[in-house]
Amino acid sequence: MVAVAATASPDTLTIDELSSASKVPSRTIRFYQSRGALMPPEIRGRVAHYGPQHVERLKLIAQLSDRGLRIDAIGDLLKRIDRGEIQLAEWLGIEAEVQAPWLADKPRLVSEEELYELTGDRRPGLIAELAKAKLIERRGDAWLLESPALLAIGGKLQKAGIDSEAAMAAGEILRKHLSRAVPELVDLFVGRVEDGRLDIQRANDVFAAFRTVGVDAVRVVFARLMEAELRSLLASGKLARVRKKKR
């Protein structure tokens, strides 16, 4: 985190005085200027003079850095704010919406006994299978359960007769294809904002709506595709041939 002094500075500051007031090294201040994140100073003779606006901008850069933004992204954002294309409060609202969790599925630290209770299964080799699937990770005498929701899904599949290896393979198939689809969806909506077809002021509403509508859409599309594929399987006669071989 970049520390910035909370007290106001004099109306005019040299770069060394700005560095002292803000606790930001002079070389870092120059780097911020080169990246467009910090506005240039007023040049008087051969001396660069900075003002309170530079102190405030350094505070803002520190806050945005703490939120995980790289300096180039900060520079681009602040240029848009300076041009009046977007309000800071508006952007922070969008950022909060983007970072809001989509699921109430948080990692949990559980004992081995709790793990057996959650899975409803005590067969030998279960814990090794879960660790191999990266659903759990040893933490001392306990286990870190990465996704209680995925563990519950795996338990349901096992009760239906699907072994853990097949369940893991199915999960990888879904993850592989969704990992391609999700960036394309994000690019689609960002592109709409960039070309003006989606108002940036409504971006918050879009992300909030997509958190629920998007999940529902995936469920519906997946269900329809599975229905079509299973009908095709039935029509092909493959299922009947497999059943005949098993008899």
C-alpha atoms as a PDB file:
ATOM      1  CA  MET A   1       0.000   0.000   0.000  1.00  0.00           C
ATOM      2  CA  VAL A   2       1.239   3.536  -0.793  1.00  0.00           C
ATOM      3  CA  ALA A   3       0.960   5.675   2.325  1.00  0.00           C
ATOM      4  CA  VAL A   4      -0.235   9.240   1.812  1.00  0.00           C
ATOM      5  CA  ALA A   5      -0.363  11.916   4.479  1.00  0.00           C
ATOM      6  CA  ALA A   6      -3.856  12.927   5.558  1.00  0.00           C
ATOM      7  CA  THR A   7      -3.024  16.569   6.275  1.00  0.00           C
ATOM      8  CA  ALA A   8      -3.276  19.227   3.585  1.00  0.00           C
ATOM      9  CA  SER A   9      -0.095  20.632   2.006  1.00  0.00           C
ATOM     10  CA  PRO A  10       0.811  24.276   1.288  1.00  0.00           C
ATOM     11  CA  ASP A  11      -0.599  25.703  -1.932  1.00  0.00           C
ATOM     12  CA  THR A  12       2.659  25.199  -3.793  1.00  0.00           C
ATOM     13  CA  LEU A  13       5.175  22.398  -3.365  1.00  0.00           C
ATOM     14  CA  THR A  14       8.386  21.311  -5.021  1.00  0.00           C
ATOM     15  CA  ILE A  15       8.623  17.631  -5.881  1.00  0.00           C
ATOM     16  CA  ASP A  16      10.703  17.012  -2.756  1.00  0.00           C
ATOM     17  CA  GLU A  17       8.107  18.800  -0.618  1.00  0.00           C
ATOM     18  CA  LEU A  18       5.312  16.811  -2.295  1.00  0.00           C
ATOM     19  CA  SER A  19       7.235  13.618  -1.626  1.00  0.00           C
ATOM     20  CA  SER A  20       7.649  14.582   2.039  1.00  0.00           C
ATOM     21  CA  ALA A  21       3.984  15.551   2.419  1.00  0.00           C
ATOM     22  CA  SER A  22       2.616  12.479   0.668  1.00  0.00           C
ATOM     23  CA  LYS A  23       5.224   9.920   1.781  1.00  0.00           C
ATOM     24  CA  VAL A  24       5.566   8.918  -1.869  1.00  0.00           C
ATOM     25  CA  PRO A  25       9.147   8.797  -3.227  1.00  0.00           C
ATOM     26  CA  SER A  26      10.039  11.385  -5.856  1.00  0.00           C
ATOM     27  CA  ARG A  27      10.907   8.686  -8.404  1.00  0.00           C
ATOM     28  CA  THR A  28       7.456   7.158  -7.883  1.00  0.00           C
ATOM     29  CA  ILE A  29       5.803  10.544  -8.414  1.00  0.00           C
ATOM     30  CA  ARG A  30       7.683  10.921 -11.692  1.00  0.00           C
ATOM     31  CA  PHE A  31       6.681   7.378 -12.668  1.00  0.00           C
ATOM     32  CA  TYR A  32       3.016   8.191 -12.007  1.00  0.00           C
ATOM     33  CA  GLN A  33       3.355  11.280 -14.204  1.00  0.00           C
ATOM     34  CA  SER A  34       4.928   9.257 -17.022  1.00  0.00           C
ATOM     35  CA  ARG A  35       1.973   6.855 -16.921  1.00  0.00           C
ATOM     36  CA  GLY A  36      -0.597   9.628 -16.993  1.00  0.00           C
ATOM     37  CA  ALA A  37      -1.928   8.865 -13.508  1.00  0.00           C
ATOM     38  CA  LEU A  38      -0.691  12.129 -11.993  1.00  0.00           C
ATOM     39  CA  MET A  39      -1.319  15.459 -13.701  1.00  0.00           C
ATOM     40  CA  PRO A  40       1.789  17.445 -14.663  1.00  0.00           C
ATOM     41  CA  PRO A  41       3.044  20.227 -12.385  1.00  0.00           C
ATOM     42  CA  GLU A  42       3.163  23.931 -13.145  1.00  0.00           C
ATOM     43  CA  ILE A  43       6.595  24.883 -14.381  1.00  0.00           C
ATOM     44  CA  ARG A  44       7.972  28.203 -13.100  1.00  0.00           C
ATOM     45  CA  GLY A  45      11.382  28.865 -14.515  1.00  0.00           C
ATOM     46  CA  ARG A  46      13.182  25.578 -14.046  1.00  0.00           C
ATOM     47  CA  VAL A  47      11.214  24.463 -10.995  1.00  0.00           C
ATOM     48  CA  ALA A  48       8.150  22.196 -11.076  1.00  0.00           C
ATOM     49  CA  HIS A  49       5.463  23.312  -8.620  1.00  0.00           C
ATOM     50  CA  TYR A  50       2.736  21.016  -7.291  1.00  0.00           C
ATOM     51  CA  GLY A  51      -0.436  21.861  -5.416  1.00  0.00           C
ATOM     52  CA  PRO A  52      -3.122  20.330  -3.151  1.00  0.00           C
ATOM     53  CA  GLN A  53      -4.692  18.630  -6.192  1.00  0.00           C
ATOM     54  CA  HIS A  54      -1.532  16.560  -6.591  1.00  0.00           C
ATOM     55  CA  VAL A  55      -1.670  15.475  -2.946  1.00  0.00           C
ATOM     56  CA  GLU A  56      -5.314  14.435  -3.393  1.00  0.00           C
ATOM     57  CA  ARG A  57      -4.504  12.611  -6.632  1.00  0.00           C
ATOM     58  CA  LEU A  58      -1.744  10.649  -4.899  1.00  0.00           C
ATOM     59  CA  LYS A  59      -4.240   9.623  -2.213  1.00  0.00           C
ATOM     60  CA  LEU A  60      -6.614   8.434  -4.935  1.00  0.00           C
ATOM     61  CA  ILE A  61      -3.863   6.512  -6.725  1.00  0.00           C
ATOM     62  CA  ALA A  62      -3.054   4.801  -3.419  1.00  0.00           C
ATOM     63  CA  GLN A  63      -6.720   3.837  -2.922  1.00  0.00           C
ATOM     64  CA  LEU A  64      -7.021   2.452  -6.449  1.00  0.00           C
ATOM     65  CA  SER A  65      -3.727   0.561  -6.068  1.00  0.00           C
ATOM     66  CA  ASP A  66      -5.096  -1.027  -2.913  1.00  0.00           C
ATOM     67  CA  ARG A  67      -8.060  -2.244  -4.998  1.00  0.00           C
ATOM     68  CA  GLY A  68      -5.675  -4.176  -7.223  1.00  0.00           C
ATOM     69  CA  LEU A  69      -5.462  -1.849 -10.238  1.00  0.00           C
ATOM     70  CA  ARG A  70      -2.172  -1.558 -12.075  1.00  0.00           C
ATOM     71  CA  ILE A  71      -0.785   1.914 -12.706  1.00  0.00           C
ATOM     72  CA  ASP A  72      -1.614   1.864 -16.442  1.00  0.00           C
ATOM     73  CA  ALA A  73      -5.238   1.024 -15.656  1.00  0.00           C
ATOM     74  CA  ILE A  74      -5.286   3.751 -13.002  1.00  0.00           C
ATOM     75  CA  GLY A  75      -3.911   6.234 -15.518  1.00  0.00           C
ATOM     76  CA  ASP A  76      -6.574   5.340 -18.090  1.00  0.00           C
ATOM     77  CA  LEU A  77      -9.336   5.570 -15.497  1.00  0.00           C
ATOM     78  CA  LEU A  78      -8.203   8.937 -14.150  1.00  0.00           C
ATOM     79  CA  LYS A  79      -7.897  10.368 -17.659  1.00  0.00           C
ATOM     80  CA  ARG A  80     -11.514   9.405 -18.303  1.00  0.00           C
ATOM     81  CA  ILE A  81     -12.527  10.993 -15.003  1.00  0.00           C
ATOM     82  CA  ASP A  82     -10.602  14.184 -15.869  1.00  0.00           C
ATOM     83  CA  ARG A  83     -12.340  14.317 -19.260  1.00  0.00           C
ATOM     84  CA  GLY A  84     -15.705  13.994 -17.553  1.00  0.00           C
ATOM     85  CA  GLU A  85     -16.494  10.666 -19.264  1.00  0.00           C
ATOM     86  CA  ILE A  86     -17.166   8.931 -15.961  1.00  0.00           C
ATOM     87  CA  GLN A  87     -17.596   9.928 -12.317  1.00  0.00           C
ATOM     88  CA  LEU A  88     -15.345   8.371  -9.689  1.00  0.00           C
ATOM     89  CA  ALA A  89     -18.300   7.463  -7.462  1.00  0.00           C
ATOM     90  CA  GLU A  90     -19.972   5.859 -10.460  1.00  0.00           C
ATOM     91  CA  TRP A  91     -16.864   3.800 -11.257  1.00  0.00           C
ATOM     92  CA  LEU A  92     -16.458   2.723  -7.634  1.00  0.00           C
ATOM     93  CA  GLY A  93     -20.078   1.576  -7.655  1.00  0.00           C
ATOM     94  CA  ILE A  94     -19.465  -0.482 -10.793  1.00  0.00           C
ATOM     95  CA  GLU A  95     -16.292  -1.903  -9.283  1.00  0.00           C
ATOM     96  CA  ALA A  96     -18.147  -2.926  -6.118  1.00  0.00           C
ATOM     97  CA  GLU A  97     -20.837  -4.576  -8.252  1.00  0.00           C
ATOM     98  CA  VAL A  98     -18.249  -6.450 -10.326  1.00  0.00           C
ATOM     99  CA  GLN A  99     -16.469  -7.703  -7.202  1.00  0.00           C
ATOM    100  CA  ALA A 100     -19.659  -8.805  -5.434  1.00  0.00           C
ATOM    101  CA  PRO A 101     -19.778 -12.594  -4.991  1.00  0.00           C
ATOM    102  CA  TRP A 102     -22.107 -14.558  -7.244  1.00  0.00           C
ATOM    103  CA  LEU A 103     -22.511 -17.437  -4.820  1.00  0.00           C
ATOM    104  CA  ALA A 104     -22.590 -17.829  -1.066  1.00  0.00           C
ATOM    105  CA  ASP A 105     -20.006 -20.577  -1.475  1.00  0.00           C
ATOM    106  CA  LYS A 106     -16.968 -19.769   0.636  1.00  0.00           C
ATOM    107  CA  PRO A 107     -14.041 -21.991   1.639  1.00  0.00           C
ATOM    108  CA  ARG A 108     -14.381 -23.665   5.051  1.00  0.00           C
ATOM    109  CA  LEU A 109     -11.900 -25.248   7.410  1.00  0.00           C
ATOM    110  CA  VAL A 110     -13.323 -28.563   8.628  1.00  0.00           C
ATOM    111  CA  SER A 111     -12.154 -31.536  10.649  1.00  0.00           C
ATOM    112  CA  GLU A 112     -11.956 -35.010   9.113  1.00  0.00           C
ATOM    113  CA  GLU A 113     -15.103 -36.015  10.989  1.00  0.00           C
ATOM    114  CA  GLU A 114     -16.984 -32.971   9.654  1.00  0.00           C
ATOM    115  CA  LEU A 115     -15.792 -33.854   6.161  1.00  0.00           C
ATOM    116  CA  TYR A 116     -17.261 -37.343   6.431  1.00  0.00           C
ATOM    117  CA  GLU A 117     -20.517 -35.878   7.727  1.00  0.00           C
ATOM    118  CA  LEU A 118     -20.708 -33.389   4.851  1.00  0.00           C
ATOM    119  CA  THR A 119     -20.135 -36.071   2.226  1.00  0.00           C
ATOM    120  CA  GLY A 120     -22.294 -38.682   3.922  1.00  0.00           C
ATOM    121  CA  ASP A 121     -19.672 -41.229   2.932  1.00  0.00           C
ATOM    122  CA  ARG A 122     -17.005 -43.009   5.009  1.00  0.00           C
ATOM    123  CA  ARG A 123     -15.587 -45.392   2.426  1.00  0.00           C
ATOM    124  CA  PRO A 124     -11.801 -45.883   2.300  1.00  0.00           C
ATOM    125  CA  GLY A 125     -10.003 -43.640  -0.170  1.00  0.00           C
ATOM    126  CA  LEU A 126     -12.642 -40.890  -0.155  1.00  0.00           C
ATOM    127  CA  ILE A 127     -10.375 -38.200   1.299  1.00  0.00           C
ATOM    128  CA  ALA A 128      -7.597 -39.068  -1.150  1.00  0.00           C
ATOM    129  CA  GLU A 129     -10.061 -38.713  -4.034  1.00  0.00           C
ATOM    130  CA  LEU A 130     -11.280 -35.322  -2.803  1.00  0.00           C
ATOM    131  CA  ALA A 131      -7.699 -34.110  -2.389  1.00  0.00           C
ATOM    132  CA  LYS A 132      -6.827 -35.320  -5.904  1.00  0.00           C
ATOM    133  CA  ALA A 133      -9.845 -33.419  -7.260  1.00  0.00           C
ATOM    134  CA  LYS A 134      -8.529 -30.320  -5.403  1.00  0.00           C
ATOM    135  CA  LEU A 135     -11.809 -30.004  -3.515  1.00  0.00           C
ATOM    136  CA  ILE A 136      -9.923 -30.193  -0.213  1.00  0.00           C
ATOM    137  CA  GLU A 137      -6.443 -29.311   0.977  1.00  0.00           C
ATOM    138  CA  ARG A 138      -4.663 -30.401   4.128  1.00  0.00           C
ATOM    139  CA  ARG A 139      -4.157 -27.629   6.680  1.00  0.00           C
ATOM    140  CA  GLY A 140      -2.496 -29.107   9.742  1.00  0.00           C
ATOM    141  CA  ASP A 141      -4.983 -31.386  11.494  1.00  0.00           C
ATOM    142  CA  ALA A 142      -7.883 -29.986   9.448  1.00  0.00           C
ATOM    143  CA  TRP A 143      -8.982 -29.764   5.829  1.00  0.00           C
ATOM    144  CA  LEU A 144      -9.640 -26.638   3.791  1.00  0.00           C
ATOM    145  CA  LEU A 145     -12.830 -27.247   1.832  1.00  0.00           C
ATOM    146  CA  GLU A 146     -12.545 -25.016  -1.238  1.00  0.00           C
ATOM    147  CA  SER A 147     -16.165 -25.258  -2.350  1.00  0.00           C
ATOM    148  CA  PRO A 148     -18.856 -26.743  -0.106  1.00  0.00           C
ATOM    149  CA  ALA A 149     -21.310 -26.407  -3.021  1.00  0.00           C
ATOM    150  CA  LEU A 150     -19.176 -28.532  -5.370  1.00  0.00           C
ATOM    151  CA  LEU A 151     -18.660 -31.096  -2.633  1.00  0.00           C
ATOM    152  CA  ALA A 152     -22.449 -31.335  -2.200  1.00  0.00           C
ATOM    153  CA  ILE A 153     -22.885 -31.784  -5.962  1.00  0.00           C
ATOM    154  CA  GLY A 154     -20.281 -34.541  -5.964  1.00  0.00           C
ATOM    155  CA  GLY A 155     -22.098 -36.260  -3.116  1.00  0.00           C
ATOM    156  CA  LYS A 156     -25.384 -36.219  -5.049  1.00  0.00           C
ATOM    157  CA  LEU A 157     -23.694 -37.684  -8.125  1.00  0.00           C
ATOM    158  CA  GLN A 158     -22.136 -40.479  -6.082  1.00  0.00           C
ATOM    159  CA  LYS A 159     -25.501 -41.360  -4.551  1.00  0.00           C
ATOM    160  CA  ALA A 160     -26.854 -41.601  -8.090  1.00  0.00           C
ATOM    161  CA  GLY A 161     -24.158 -44.134  -8.933  1.00  0.00           C
ATOM    162  CA  ILE A 162     -21.606 -41.887 -10.622  1.00  0.00           C
ATOM    163  CA  ASP A 163     -18.096 -42.564  -9.327  1.00  0.00           C
ATOM    164  CA  SER A 164     -15.868 -39.686  -8.238  1.00  0.00           C
ATOM    165  CA  GLU A 165     -13.511 -40.087 -11.215  1.00  0.00           C
ATOM    166  CA  ALA A 166     -16.391 -39.598 -13.672  1.00  0.00           C
ATOM    167  CA  ALA A 167     -17.693 -36.671 -11.627  1.00  0.00           C
ATOM    168  CA  MET A 168     -14.236 -35.042 -11.716  1.00  0.00           C
ATOM    169  CA  ALA A 169     -14.020 -35.565 -15.495  1.00  0.00           C
ATOM    170  CA  ALA A 170     -17.475 -34.030 -15.959  1.00  0.00           C
ATOM    171  CA  GLY A 171     -16.451 -31.042 -13.883  1.00  0.00           C
ATOM    172  CA  GLU A 172     -13.336 -30.518 -15.996  1.00  0.00           C
ATOM    173  CA  ILE A 173     -15.395 -30.620 -19.198  1.00  0.00           C
ATOM    174  CA  LEU A 174     -17.749 -27.953 -17.867  1.00  0.00           C
ATOM    175  CA  ARG A 175     -14.895 -25.833 -16.559  1.00  0.00           C
ATOM    176  CA  LYS A 176     -13.013 -26.038 -19.863  1.00  0.00           C
ATOM    177  CA  HIS A 177     -15.924 -24.825 -21.968  1.00  0.00           C
ATOM    178  CA  LEU A 178     -17.244 -22.244 -19.507  1.00  0.00           C
ATOM    179  CA  SER A 179     -13.755 -20.775 -19.064  1.00  0.00           C
ATOM    180  CA  ARG A 180     -13.905 -19.923 -22.762  1.00  0.00           C
ATOM    181  CA  ALA A 181     -17.472 -18.649 -22.747  1.00  0.00           C
ATOM    182  CA  VAL A 182     -17.216 -16.352 -19.721  1.00  0.00           C
ATOM    183  CA  PRO A 183     -14.450 -14.044 -21.083  1.00  0.00           C
ATOM    184  CA  GLU A 184     -16.385 -13.766 -24.353  1.00  0.00           C
ATOM    185  CA  LEU A 185     -19.504 -12.718 -22.458  1.00  0.00           C
ATOM    186  CA  VAL A 186     -17.592 -10.101 -20.480  1.00  0.00           C
ATOM    187  CA  ASP A 187     -15.996  -8.781 -23.670  1.00  0.00           C
ATOM    188  CA  LEU A 188     -19.451  -8.589 -25.256  1.00  0.00           C
ATOM    189  CA  PHE A 189     -20.822  -6.272 -22.572  1.00  0.00           C
ATOM    190  CA  VAL A 190     -17.627  -4.220 -22.260  1.00  0.00           C
ATOM    191  CA  GLY A 191     -17.694  -3.756 -26.020  1.00  0.00           C
ATOM    192  CA  ARG A 192     -21.265  -2.461 -25.795  1.00  0.00           C
ATOM    193  CA  VAL A 193     -20.107   0.142 -23.269  1.00  0.00           C
ATOM    194  CA  GLU A 194     -17.099   1.146 -25.360  1.00  0.00           C
ATOM    195  CA  ASP A 195     -19.087   1.643 -28.566  1.00  0.00           C
ATOM    196  CA  GLY A 196     -21.850   3.554 -26.754  1.00  0.00           C
ATOM    197  CA  ARG A 197     -24.619   0.990 -27.186  1.00  0.00           C
ATOM    198  CA  LEU A 198     -24.751   0.454 -23.421  1.00  0.00           C
ATOM    199  CA  ASP A 199     -24.815   3.457 -21.107  1.00  0.00           C
ATOM    200  CA  ILE A 200     -21.982   3.252 -18.575  1.00  0.00           C
ATOM    201  CA  GLN A 201     -24.390   4.635 -16.004  1.00  0.00           C
ATOM    202  CA  ARG A 202     -26.465   1.458 -16.409  1.00  0.00           C
ATOM    203  CA  ALA A 203     -23.480  -0.888 -16.192  1.00  0.00           C
ATOM    204  CA  ASN A 204     -24.243  -1.439 -12.503  1.00  0.00           C
ATOM    205  CA  ASP A 205     -27.733  -2.656 -13.388  1.00  0.00           C
ATOM    206  CA  VAL A 206     -26.337  -4.946 -16.072  1.00  0.00           C
ATOM    207  CA  PHE A 207     -23.876  -6.669 -13.754  1.00  0.00           C
ATOM    208  CA  ALA A 208     -26.456  -6.938 -10.972  1.00  0.00           C
ATOM    209  CA  ALA A 209     -29.022  -8.450 -13.329  1.00  0.00           C
ATOM    210  CA  PHE A 210     -26.541 -10.787 -14.968  1.00  0.00           C
ATOM    211  CA  ARG A 211     -25.560 -12.214 -11.583  1.00  0.00           C
ATOM    212  CA  THR A 212     -28.957 -13.917 -11.393  1.00  0.00           C
ATOM    213  CA  VAL A 213     -30.137 -13.926 -15.004  1.00  0.00           C
ATOM    214  CA  GLY A 214     -26.781 -15.230 -16.239  1.00  0.00           C
ATOM    215  CA  VAL A 215     -26.829 -18.217 -13.906  1.00  0.00           C
ATOM    216  CA  ASP A 216     -30.438 -18.970 -14.911  1.00  0.00           C
ATOM    217  CA  ALA A 217     -29.499 -18.658 -18.586  1.00  0.00           C
ATOM    218  CA  VAL A 218     -26.644 -21.161 -18.203  1.00  0.00           C
ATOM    219  CA  ARG A 219     -29.012 -23.601 -16.496  1.00  0.00           C
ATOM    220  CA  VAL A 220     -31.659 -23.268 -19.228  1.00  0.00           C
ATOM    221  CA  VAL A 221     -29.195 -23.497 -22.125  1.00  0.00           C
ATOM    222  CA  PHE A 222     -27.460 -26.490 -20.542  1.00  0.00           C
ATOM    223  CA  ALA A 223     -30.780 -28.253 -19.934  1.00  0.00           C
ATOM    224  CA  ARG A 224     -31.964 -27.709 -23.517  1.00  0.00           C
ATOM    225  CA  LEU A 225     -28.671 -28.891 -24.995  1.00  0.00           C
ATOM    226  CA  MET A 226     -28.693 -31.991 -22.792  1.00  0.00           C
ATOM    227  CA  GLU A 227     -32.282 -32.760 -23.809  1.00  0.00           C
ATOM    228  CA  ALA A 228     -31.359 -32.543 -27.473  1.00  0.00           C
ATOM    229  CA  GLU A 229     -28.238 -34.657 -27.026  1.00  0.00           C
ATOM    230  CA  LEU A 230     -30.059 -37.376 -25.088  1.00  0.00           C
ATOM    231  CA  ARG A 231     -32.810 -37.506 -27.724  1.00  0.00           C
ATOM    232  CA  SER A 232     -30.114 -37.906 -30.358  1.00  0.00           C
ATOM    233  CA  LEU A 233     -28.510 -40.666 -28.304  1.00  0.00           C
ATOM    234  CA  LEU A 234     -31.824 -42.466 -28.025  1.00  0.00           C
ATOM    235  CA  ALA A 235     -32.542 -42.111 -31.761  1.00  0.00           C
ATOM    236  CA  SER A 236     -29.097 -43.440 -32.675  1.00  0.00           C
ATOM    237  CA  GLY A 237     -29.804 -46.764 -30.982  1.00  0.00           C
ATOM    238  CA  LYS A 238     -26.485 -46.622 -29.147  1.00  0.00           C
ATOM    239  CA  LEU A 239     -28.136 -46.725 -25.739  1.00  0.00           C
ATOM    240  CA  ALA A 240     -30.126 -49.818 -26.672  1.00  0.00           C
ATOM    241  CA  ARG A 241     -26.969 -51.558 -27.925  1.00  0.00           C
ATOM    242  CA  VAL A 242     -25.140 -50.738 -24.687  1.00  0.00           C
ATOM    243  CA  ARG A 243     -28.015 -52.109 -22.611  1.00  0.00           C
ATOM    244  CA  LYS A 244     -28.073 -55.264 -24.727  1.00  0.00           C
ATOM    245  CA  LYS A 245     -24.359 -55.844 -24.186  1.00  0.00           C
ATOM    246  CA  LYS A 246     -24.789 -55.492 -20.420  1.00  0.00           C
ATOM    247  CA  ARG A 247     -27.424 -58.241 -20.261  1.00  0.00           C
END
